[in-house]
Protein backbone atom coordinates (compact mmCIF):
# COMPACT_ATOMS: atom_id res chain seq x y z
CA MET A 1 45.96 61.75 88.27
CA VAL A 2 43.29 62.46 90.87
CA PHE A 3 39.95 63.91 89.72
CA THR A 4 37.63 65.75 92.03
CA SER A 5 33.90 65.44 91.45
CA GLU A 6 33.81 69.01 90.07
CA THR A 7 36.63 68.29 87.63
CA LEU A 8 34.89 65.15 86.48
CA LYS A 9 31.59 67.04 86.03
CA THR A 10 33.38 69.66 83.92
CA VAL A 11 35.06 67.03 81.74
CA LEU A 12 31.78 65.19 81.20
CA LYS A 13 29.96 68.42 80.39
CA ARG A 14 32.57 69.36 77.78
CA THR A 15 32.49 65.89 76.28
CA GLU A 16 28.70 65.97 75.99
CA PHE A 17 28.88 69.42 74.39
CA LEU A 18 31.48 68.36 71.83
CA ASP A 19 29.60 65.17 71.03
CA LYS A 20 26.39 67.14 70.50
CA HIS A 21 27.95 69.83 68.30
CA ALA A 22 30.94 68.09 66.72
CA GLY A 23 29.71 68.36 63.14
CA THR A 24 28.77 72.01 63.38
CA LEU A 25 31.92 73.15 65.16
CA SER A 26 34.37 71.19 63.08
CA SER A 27 32.93 72.25 59.75
CA LYS A 28 32.32 75.92 60.63
CA TRP A 29 35.34 76.83 62.67
CA ALA A 30 37.86 74.84 60.64
CA LYS A 31 37.02 77.07 57.68
CA ILE A 32 36.57 80.39 59.47
CA THR A 33 40.18 81.49 59.10
CA LYS A 34 39.85 81.36 55.32
CA SER A 35 36.46 83.06 55.10
CA SER A 36 35.38 86.63 54.59
CA GLN A 37 34.14 88.70 57.51
CA ASP A 38 30.61 88.48 56.11
CA THR A 39 30.78 84.69 56.03
CA ALA A 40 32.28 84.53 59.52
CA GLY A 41 29.47 86.78 60.76
CA ARG A 42 26.84 84.52 59.20
CA ASP A 43 28.51 81.47 60.75
CA ILE A 44 28.49 83.07 64.18
CA GLN A 45 24.84 84.07 63.78
CA ASP A 46 24.03 80.49 62.80
CA LEU A 47 25.81 79.10 65.87
CA MET A 48 23.94 81.58 68.05
CA ALA A 49 20.61 80.58 66.47
CA LYS A 50 21.41 76.93 67.20
CA GLY A 51 22.09 77.79 70.84
CA ILE A 52 25.78 76.90 70.65
CA LEU A 53 27.17 80.41 71.24
CA LYS A 54 25.83 83.44 73.02
CA LYS A 55 27.03 87.01 72.93
CA GLU A 56 28.52 88.23 76.19
CA VAL A 57 27.06 91.43 77.56
CA GLN A 58 29.69 94.14 77.55
CA GLU A 59 30.29 97.68 76.48
CA GLY A 60 32.78 98.91 73.92
CA ARG A 61 33.82 98.05 70.40
CA SER A 62 34.79 94.41 70.94
CA THR A 63 32.29 91.59 70.83
CA SER A 64 32.86 88.41 72.80
CA TYR A 65 31.01 85.13 72.63
CA GLU A 66 30.83 82.21 74.99
CA LEU A 67 29.87 78.58 74.56
CA VAL A 68 26.47 77.61 75.88
CA TRP A 69 26.81 74.58 78.11
């Protein structure tokens, strides 16, 4: 498999991110499917406060979030 420098940068960035936030992501998101909406909302707010997620700017009823690299 041939990696370009951009591909390698992306892989390294993702690895650094996952290493940095592994405990938070694994414990929060592994449980989110069995939580109430209130709990899921608090979890998302916590991840946003920690700088892991940010809310995407958009209009309408749906809310989207993206990982902060």
